[in-house]
């Protein structure tokens, strides 16, 4: 929120920015996920990210130097996924010096700070921890002549990945890189959708995907009809929360989950005291964390957990173009026989080799240990 004592300073910044943009060289039009036609300078050198975790898209487009254009971002990557943040800092030490526009909420974002950084472009998500479609921050930037491109990797993840990567590729002059990644993405998605289309009519395996298990303030934080729930449906699963949570995120009660008694249980996480997955995380550490999550008394008696059909997934797949790896993992867990030959690790290796200058390295998904029979 803008405070009165900042208004004079903002007025000065507006004047300088408007004059600067009036002298800007040629621009071109980009269509973002909201269908907005945005005029973006032909050469974009200074970008502010509404969420730090959006850097995953830039890692695909600016392969060898993903931070070369980033002049400001939120602190959410360091606060909410420190494993990934530390991995970036280890390879690109100047990452820790990128100016912060906020911490990990829309309310913490400073429009004044963004204006002072004189960006050519701001990239915001339509939903999340940063400024969104109806944010006053976006309005301030628009009035100052700073183009804002909205992206979406979390509400409608598959189509959102398409539209977002296309828009960012056009905005950054990286159309070829965006097209190549999306071609790879579509090819892998088609393998899954074609296979699911062959399934006979009838009930689908039921799935309970618990988000930030062991970290969220109450057990049962989950996904509904959109978000990761869309991915469960894509791979031929039935999300037990689809009828209870209308959007991408919400909560169900422990009693609701126990009554549904899903065929498959999946936890997401990236930090203690929950599941530990992500950059630099070893398999042993991931298994130990998953064991702790599965031992929580609320859900320990779920049939899926008792029978060893429980798994863990890196939480930040929910807001990243890397969601393809989550989709392939989900497919194998929901329909193990149908997707016996599917290999998410091989897909990750291909992404690393073809599209990333800094490869994804670590445990990003994990299976529970086989159930031990008791007599």
Protein backbone atom coordinates (compact mmCIF):
# COMPACT_ATOMS: atom_id res chain seq x y z
CA UNK A 1 0.00 0.00 0.00
CA UNK A 2 1.29 3.46 -0.90
CA UNK A 3 1.74 5.82 2.05
CA UNK A 4 1.18 9.60 1.80
CA UNK A 5 4.80 10.40 2.62
CA UNK A 6 5.86 8.51 -0.52
CA UNK A 7 3.58 10.40 -2.92
CA UNK A 8 5.94 13.31 -3.64
CA UNK A 9 8.85 10.97 -4.32
CA UNK A 10 6.64 8.82 -6.54
CA UNK A 11 5.64 11.93 -8.49
CA UNK A 12 9.27 12.72 -9.21
CA UNK A 13 9.90 9.13 -10.27
CA UNK A 14 6.80 9.18 -12.51
CA UNK A 15 8.08 12.28 -14.29
CA UNK A 16 11.49 10.82 -14.94
CA UNK A 17 10.08 7.50 -16.08
CA UNK A 18 7.48 9.00 -18.39
CA UNK A 19 10.12 11.17 -20.04
CA UNK A 20 12.41 8.17 -20.34
CA UNK A 21 9.72 6.01 -21.91
CA UNK A 22 8.77 8.77 -24.31
CA UNK A 23 12.26 8.51 -25.74
CA UNK A 24 12.28 4.72 -25.83
CA UNK A 25 13.23 3.02 -29.08
CA UNK A 26 10.94 0.74 -31.07
CA UNK A 27 8.56 -1.57 -29.24
CA UNK A 28 6.55 -4.63 -30.12
CA UNK A 29 3.31 -6.15 -28.90
CA UNK A 30 3.09 -9.13 -26.55
CA UNK A 31 -0.11 -10.91 -25.47
CA UNK A 32 0.01 -12.09 -21.85
CA UNK A 33 -2.10 -14.72 -20.08
CA UNK A 34 -4.87 -12.21 -19.40
CA UNK A 35 -5.18 -11.55 -23.13
CA UNK A 36 -3.79 -8.04 -22.64
CA UNK A 37 -1.86 -6.50 -25.52
CA UNK A 38 1.31 -5.11 -23.95
CA UNK A 39 3.81 -2.86 -25.72
CA UNK A 40 7.31 -4.01 -24.77
CA UNK A 41 10.59 -2.43 -25.84
CA UNK A 42 12.43 -4.36 -28.55
CA UNK A 43 15.42 -4.63 -26.22
CA UNK A 44 14.60 -5.51 -22.63
CA UNK A 45 17.56 -5.21 -20.29
CA UNK A 46 15.99 -4.53 -16.90
CA UNK A 47 13.29 -6.83 -15.48
CA UNK A 48 11.56 -6.89 -12.11
CA UNK A 49 9.98 -10.19 -11.01
CA UNK A 50 6.83 -10.06 -8.92
CA UNK A 51 7.84 -13.45 -7.49
CA UNK A 52 11.43 -14.65 -7.24
CA UNK A 53 10.41 -18.18 -8.16
CA UNK A 54 9.52 -17.00 -11.67
CA UNK A 55 13.25 -17.20 -12.33
CA UNK A 56 12.65 -20.79 -13.49
CA UNK A 57 11.17 -19.43 -16.73
CA UNK A 58 14.17 -17.15 -17.27
CA UNK A 59 16.49 -20.11 -16.69
CA UNK A 60 14.93 -21.71 -19.77
CA UNK A 61 15.02 -18.57 -21.92
CA UNK A 62 18.30 -16.95 -20.82
CA UNK A 63 20.01 -20.31 -20.53
CA UNK A 64 23.57 -19.24 -19.73
CA UNK A 65 22.77 -16.14 -17.68
CA UNK A 66 19.27 -16.35 -16.17
CA UNK A 67 19.84 -13.33 -13.92
CA UNK A 68 21.35 -11.03 -16.53
CA UNK A 69 18.17 -8.91 -16.80
CA UNK A 70 16.87 -9.22 -13.23
CA UNK A 71 17.24 -5.92 -11.39
CA UNK A 72 14.71 -6.62 -8.63
CA UNK A 73 12.57 -9.38 -7.19
CA UNK A 74 10.69 -10.54 -4.12
CA UNK A 75 12.39 -12.49 -1.35
CA UNK A 76 10.10 -15.51 -1.66
CA UNK A 77 12.68 -17.80 -3.26
CA UNK A 78 15.07 -17.43 -0.32
CA UNK A 79 12.30 -17.58 2.28
CA UNK A 80 10.21 -20.40 0.82
CA UNK A 81 12.66 -22.55 -1.17
CA UNK A 82 16.10 -22.00 0.26
CA UNK A 83 17.57 -25.08 -1.42
CA UNK A 84 16.97 -23.58 -4.86
CA UNK A 85 18.09 -20.13 -3.71
CA UNK A 86 21.35 -21.53 -2.33
CA UNK A 87 22.01 -23.47 -5.52
CA UNK A 88 21.62 -20.30 -7.58
CA UNK A 89 23.86 -18.31 -5.23
CA UNK A 90 26.54 -20.99 -5.45
CA UNK A 91 26.67 -20.64 -9.24
CA UNK A 92 25.80 -16.94 -9.49
CA UNK A 93 27.10 -15.22 -6.30
CA UNK A 94 25.65 -11.82 -7.26
CA UNK A 95 22.14 -13.25 -6.83
CA UNK A 96 22.30 -12.34 -3.14
CA UNK A 97 22.77 -8.69 -4.12
CA UNK A 98 19.62 -8.37 -6.28
CA UNK A 99 17.46 -5.59 -4.75
CA UNK A 100 14.28 -6.73 -3.02
CA UNK A 101 10.90 -5.24 -3.88
CA UNK A 102 9.17 -7.16 -1.08
CA UNK A 103 9.33 -10.28 1.05
CA UNK A 104 6.78 -13.01 0.24
CA UNK A 105 3.41 -11.32 -0.02
CA UNK A 106 1.67 -8.84 -2.28
CA UNK A 107 1.24 -6.49 0.68
CA UNK A 108 5.00 -6.33 1.22
CA UNK A 109 5.78 -5.17 -2.33
CA UNK A 110 6.94 -1.58 -2.70
CA UNK A 111 5.88 0.22 -5.88
CA UNK A 112 8.34 2.95 -4.97
CA UNK A 113 11.20 0.45 -4.90
CA UNK A 114 10.19 -0.96 -8.29
CA UNK A 115 10.07 2.52 -9.83
CA UNK A 116 13.50 3.35 -8.44
CA UNK A 117 14.96 0.36 -10.28
CA UNK A 118 13.81 1.81 -13.63
CA UNK A 119 12.78 -1.52 -15.19
CA UNK A 120 12.01 -2.02 -18.86
CA UNK A 121 9.53 -4.73 -17.88
CA UNK A 122 7.76 -6.15 -14.83
CA UNK A 123 6.63 -9.79 -14.79
CA UNK A 124 3.80 -10.63 -12.38
CA UNK A 125 1.74 -13.79 -11.77
CA UNK A 126 -2.05 -13.72 -11.95
CA UNK A 127 -2.11 -15.38 -8.52
CA UNK A 128 0.43 -15.98 -5.82
CA UNK A 129 2.75 -14.22 -3.39
CA UNK A 130 3.33 -11.09 -5.46
CA UNK A 131 1.32 -8.37 -7.22
CA UNK A 132 -1.59 -9.84 -9.18
CA UNK A 133 -4.09 -8.69 -11.80
CA UNK A 134 -5.95 -6.29 -9.53
CA UNK A 135 -2.96 -5.11 -7.53
CA UNK A 136 -2.54 -1.34 -7.09
CA UNK A 137 1.17 -1.92 -7.74
CA UNK A 138 0.40 -2.97 -11.31
CA UNK A 139 -1.74 0.15 -11.71
CA UNK A 140 1.09 2.39 -10.49
CA UNK A 141 3.52 0.85 -12.95
CA UNK A 142 1.05 1.19 -15.82
CA UNK A 143 0.61 4.89 -15.08
CA UNK A 144 4.39 5.28 -15.05
CA UNK A 145 4.64 3.69 -18.49
CA UNK A 146 6.31 0.48 -17.35
CA UNK A 147 4.92 -2.54 -19.22
CA UNK A 148 3.63 -5.37 -17.05
CA UNK A 149 3.32 -8.90 -18.46
CA UNK A 150 1.21 -11.33 -16.44
CA UNK A 151 2.08 -15.03 -16.45
CA UNK A 152 0.47 -18.14 -14.97
CA UNK A 153 2.09 -21.43 -14.07
CA UNK A 154 -0.18 -22.22 -11.11
CA UNK A 155 -3.91 -21.74 -11.87
CA UNK A 156 -4.10 -23.42 -15.30
CA UNK A 157 -0.64 -24.94 -15.37
CA UNK A 158 -0.52 -26.56 -18.82
CA UNK A 159 -2.16 -23.82 -20.87
CA UNK A 160 -0.60 -21.22 -18.61
CA UNK A 161 2.86 -22.61 -19.27
CA UNK A 162 2.17 -22.34 -23.00
CA UNK A 163 0.89 -18.78 -22.97
CA UNK A 164 3.41 -17.56 -20.41
CA UNK A 165 6.50 -18.98 -22.08
CA UNK A 166 5.32 -17.69 -25.46
CA UNK A 167 4.75 -14.20 -24.06
CA UNK A 168 8.08 -14.12 -22.22
CA UNK A 169 9.91 -15.43 -25.27
CA UNK A 170 8.46 -12.62 -27.34
CA UNK A 171 9.11 -9.99 -24.66
CA UNK A 172 12.75 -11.01 -24.18
CA UNK A 173 13.64 -11.73 -27.79
CA UNK A 174 13.85 -15.43 -26.99
CA UNK A 175 11.10 -16.75 -29.26
CA UNK A 176 13.24 -19.62 -30.56
CA UNK A 177 14.08 -20.82 -27.05
CA UNK A 178 10.45 -20.66 -25.95
CA UNK A 179 9.27 -22.51 -29.06
CA UNK A 180 11.87 -25.25 -28.61
CA UNK A 181 10.94 -25.86 -24.97
CA UNK A 182 7.21 -25.87 -25.68
CA UNK A 183 7.69 -28.32 -28.53
CA UNK A 184 9.48 -30.66 -26.12
CA UNK A 185 6.79 -30.05 -23.49
CA UNK A 186 3.92 -30.80 -25.88
CA UNK A 187 5.54 -33.96 -27.17
CA UNK A 188 5.79 -35.37 -23.63
CA UNK A 189 2.29 -34.26 -22.64
CA UNK A 190 0.85 -35.95 -25.73
CA UNK A 191 2.35 -39.31 -24.71
CA UNK A 192 0.38 -39.07 -21.48
CA UNK A 193 -2.92 -37.79 -22.87
CA UNK A 194 -2.88 -40.34 -25.69
CA UNK A 195 -2.38 -43.16 -23.18
CA UNK A 196 -5.07 -41.88 -20.81
CA UNK A 197 -7.50 -41.73 -23.74
CA UNK A 198 -7.17 -45.54 -24.08
CA UNK A 199 -8.37 -46.22 -20.54
CA UNK A 200 -11.76 -47.93 -20.32
CA UNK A 201 -14.70 -45.98 -18.96
CA UNK A 202 -15.18 -46.27 -15.24
CA UNK A 203 -13.86 -44.98 -11.94
CA UNK A 204 -10.37 -43.53 -11.90
CA UNK A 205 -7.83 -44.08 -9.12
CA UNK A 206 -8.49 -41.60 -6.32
CA UNK A 207 -5.72 -39.22 -5.28
CA UNK A 208 -5.10 -37.04 -2.24
CA UNK A 209 -2.39 -34.46 -2.90
CA UNK A 210 -1.47 -32.68 0.34
CA UNK A 211 0.38 -29.42 -0.22
CA UNK A 212 3.20 -28.47 2.16
CA UNK A 213 2.44 -31.47 4.35
CA UNK A 214 3.83 -30.93 7.84
CA UNK A 215 4.49 -27.23 7.14
CA UNK A 216 0.99 -25.84 6.61
CA UNK A 217 -0.73 -24.79 9.82
CA UNK A 218 -3.29 -27.59 9.59
CA UNK A 219 -3.23 -30.96 7.81
CA UNK A 220 -5.34 -31.21 4.67
CA UNK A 221 -4.09 -28.25 2.63
CA UNK A 222 -4.70 -29.36 -0.94
CA UNK A 223 -5.63 -28.54 -4.51
CA UNK A 224 -9.05 -28.36 -6.13
CA UNK A 225 -10.27 -28.33 -9.71
CA UNK A 226 -7.50 -26.10 -11.02
CA UNK A 227 -3.81 -25.87 -10.14
CA UNK A 228 -2.24 -29.23 -9.39
CA UNK A 229 -5.73 -30.70 -9.42
CA UNK A 230 -5.78 -30.08 -13.16
CA UNK A 231 -2.66 -32.23 -13.44
CA UNK A 232 -4.25 -35.09 -11.48
CA UNK A 233 -7.13 -35.13 -13.96
CA UNK A 234 -4.74 -34.88 -16.91
CA UNK A 235 -3.00 -38.12 -15.93
CA UNK A 236 -6.26 -39.99 -15.42
CA UNK A 237 -6.69 -39.62 -11.68
CA UNK A 238 -9.62 -38.50 -9.54
CA UNK A 239 -8.79 -35.78 -7.06
CA UNK A 240 -10.70 -36.43 -3.83
CA UNK A 241 -10.84 -32.66 -3.14
CA UNK A 242 -12.21 -31.64 -6.56
CA UNK A 243 -15.77 -31.40 -5.21
CA UNK A 244 -14.76 -29.63 -2.00
CA UNK A 245 -12.18 -27.10 -3.20
CA UNK A 246 -13.42 -25.08 -6.20
CA UNK A 247 -10.14 -23.36 -7.04
CA UNK A 248 -6.45 -24.14 -7.13
CA UNK A 249 -5.91 -24.12 -3.36
CA UNK A 250 -7.96 -24.91 -0.29
CA UNK A 251 -8.31 -27.23 2.66
CA UNK A 252 -10.16 -30.40 3.52
CA UNK A 253 -10.64 -31.86 6.96
CA UNK A 254 -8.81 -34.91 8.24
CA UNK A 255 -12.18 -36.65 8.50
CA UNK A 256 -12.96 -35.89 4.84
CA UNK A 257 -9.64 -37.42 3.71
CA UNK A 258 -10.04 -40.49 5.91
CA UNK A 259 -13.55 -41.11 4.62
CA UNK A 260 -12.38 -40.76 0.99
CA UNK A 261 -9.54 -43.23 1.72
CA UNK A 262 -7.65 -42.48 -1.53
CA UNK A 263 -5.78 -45.01 -3.64
CA UNK A 264 -2.77 -42.70 -3.90
CA UNK A 265 -1.35 -40.22 -1.40
CA UNK A 266 1.11 -37.53 -2.50
CA UNK A 267 2.76 -34.92 -0.28
CA UNK A 268 4.50 -31.82 -1.57
CA UNK A 269 7.25 -29.97 0.21
CA UNK A 270 10.59 -28.21 0.01
CA UNK A 271 11.61 -27.42 3.59
CA UNK A 272 11.53 -28.48 7.23
CA UNK A 273 9.53 -29.50 9.19
CA UNK A 274 7.85 -31.08 6.18
CA UNK A 275 9.07 -32.88 3.12
CA UNK A 276 12.58 -31.95 1.97
CA UNK A 277 12.98 -32.03 -1.80
CA UNK A 278 14.63 -29.88 -4.44
CA UNK A 279 18.04 -28.60 -5.47
CA UNK A 280 20.93 -30.38 -3.81
CA UNK A 281 18.73 -32.67 -1.70
CA UNK A 282 19.93 -36.27 -1.50
CA UNK A 283 17.67 -39.31 -1.70
CA UNK A 284 18.39 -40.38 1.90
CA UNK A 285 17.42 -36.98 3.29
CA UNK A 286 14.27 -36.97 1.17
CA UNK A 287 13.29 -40.47 2.32
CA UNK A 288 13.80 -39.59 5.98
CA UNK A 289 11.63 -36.49 5.59
CA UNK A 290 8.91 -38.42 3.77
CA UNK A 291 8.91 -41.05 6.52
CA UNK A 292 8.32 -38.32 9.12
CA UNK A 293 5.48 -36.81 7.10
CA UNK A 294 3.80 -40.19 6.60
CA UNK A 295 4.08 -40.99 10.32
CA UNK A 296 1.87 -38.04 11.32
CA UNK A 297 -1.07 -39.49 13.22
CA UNK A 298 -3.71 -37.61 11.22
CA UNK A 299 -3.18 -39.58 8.01
CA UNK A 300 -1.04 -42.56 9.04
CA UNK A 301 -4.03 -44.88 8.73
CA UNK A 302 -4.83 -43.98 5.15
CA UNK A 303 -4.85 -47.12 3.05
CA UNK A 304 -2.48 -45.55 0.49
CA UNK A 305 0.09 -44.85 3.19
CA UNK A 306 -0.32 -48.25 4.89
CA UNK A 307 0.04 -50.07 1.57
CA UNK A 308 3.08 -48.08 0.41
CA UNK A 309 1.34 -46.15 -2.32
CA UNK A 310 2.56 -42.79 -0.99
CA UNK A 311 4.93 -40.36 -2.65
CA UNK A 312 6.58 -36.98 -2.34
CA UNK A 313 6.84 -34.15 -4.88
CA UNK A 314 8.85 -30.92 -4.89
CA UNK A 315 6.34 -28.26 -3.91
CA UNK A 316 7.50 -25.62 -6.39
CA UNK A 317 6.48 -27.69 -9.40
CA UNK A 318 3.10 -26.05 -8.76
CA UNK A 319 4.40 -22.70 -10.01
CA UNK A 320 6.99 -23.51 -12.64
CA UNK A 321 7.34 -24.54 -16.29
CA UNK A 322 9.18 -27.55 -14.89
CA UNK A 323 5.71 -28.89 -14.02
CA UNK A 324 6.20 -31.42 -16.83
CA UNK A 325 8.30 -33.47 -14.39
CA UNK A 326 5.46 -33.42 -11.86
CA UNK A 327 3.01 -34.52 -14.55
CA UNK A 328 5.15 -37.51 -15.52
CA UNK A 329 5.66 -38.49 -11.87
CA UNK A 330 1.93 -38.24 -11.19
CA UNK A 331 1.17 -40.37 -14.25
CA UNK A 332 3.42 -43.18 -13.01
CA UNK A 333 1.93 -43.08 -9.51
CA UNK A 334 -1.70 -42.99 -10.64
CA UNK A 335 -1.40 -45.57 -13.45
CA UNK A 336 1.84 -47.49 -12.82
CA UNK A 337 1.11 -50.22 -15.38
CA UNK A 338 0.00 -47.85 -18.13
CA UNK A 339 3.07 -45.68 -17.66
CA UNK A 340 5.61 -48.33 -16.75
CA UNK A 341 8.02 -47.07 -19.43
CA UNK A 342 7.66 -43.40 -18.52
CA UNK A 343 10.90 -42.07 -17.01
CA UNK A 344 10.75 -38.62 -15.37
CA UNK A 345 14.45 -38.80 -14.56
CA UNK A 346 15.29 -39.23 -18.24
CA UNK A 347 13.03 -36.28 -19.03
CA UNK A 348 14.83 -34.16 -16.43
CA UNK A 349 18.16 -35.17 -17.92
CA UNK A 350 16.92 -34.06 -21.35
CA UNK A 351 15.71 -30.71 -19.98
CA UNK A 352 19.09 -30.21 -18.32
CA UNK A 353 21.00 -31.05 -21.49
CA UNK A 354 18.85 -29.13 -23.96
CA UNK A 355 17.46 -26.14 -22.12
CA UNK A 356 19.27 -25.30 -18.89
CA UNK A 357 22.70 -23.82 -18.28
CA UNK A 358 22.29 -24.66 -14.60
CA UNK A 359 20.91 -28.22 -14.43
CA UNK A 360 18.31 -29.42 -11.98
CA UNK A 361 20.23 -31.61 -9.55
CA UNK A 362 18.72 -33.25 -6.51
CA UNK A 363 15.72 -35.32 -5.41
CA UNK A 364 12.59 -33.68 -6.82
CA UNK A 365 10.23 -36.62 -6.30
CA UNK A 366 10.36 -39.66 -4.05
CA UNK A 367 8.48 -42.90 -3.39
CA UNK A 368 7.73 -44.27 0.05
CA UNK A 369 9.48 -47.43 1.05
CA UNK A 370 7.58 -50.64 0.27
CA UNK A 371 5.07 -51.52 2.96
CA UNK A 372 6.20 -54.12 5.47
CA UNK A 373 3.74 -56.92 5.93
CA UNK A 374 2.84 -57.77 9.52
CA UNK A 375 1.63 -61.09 10.79
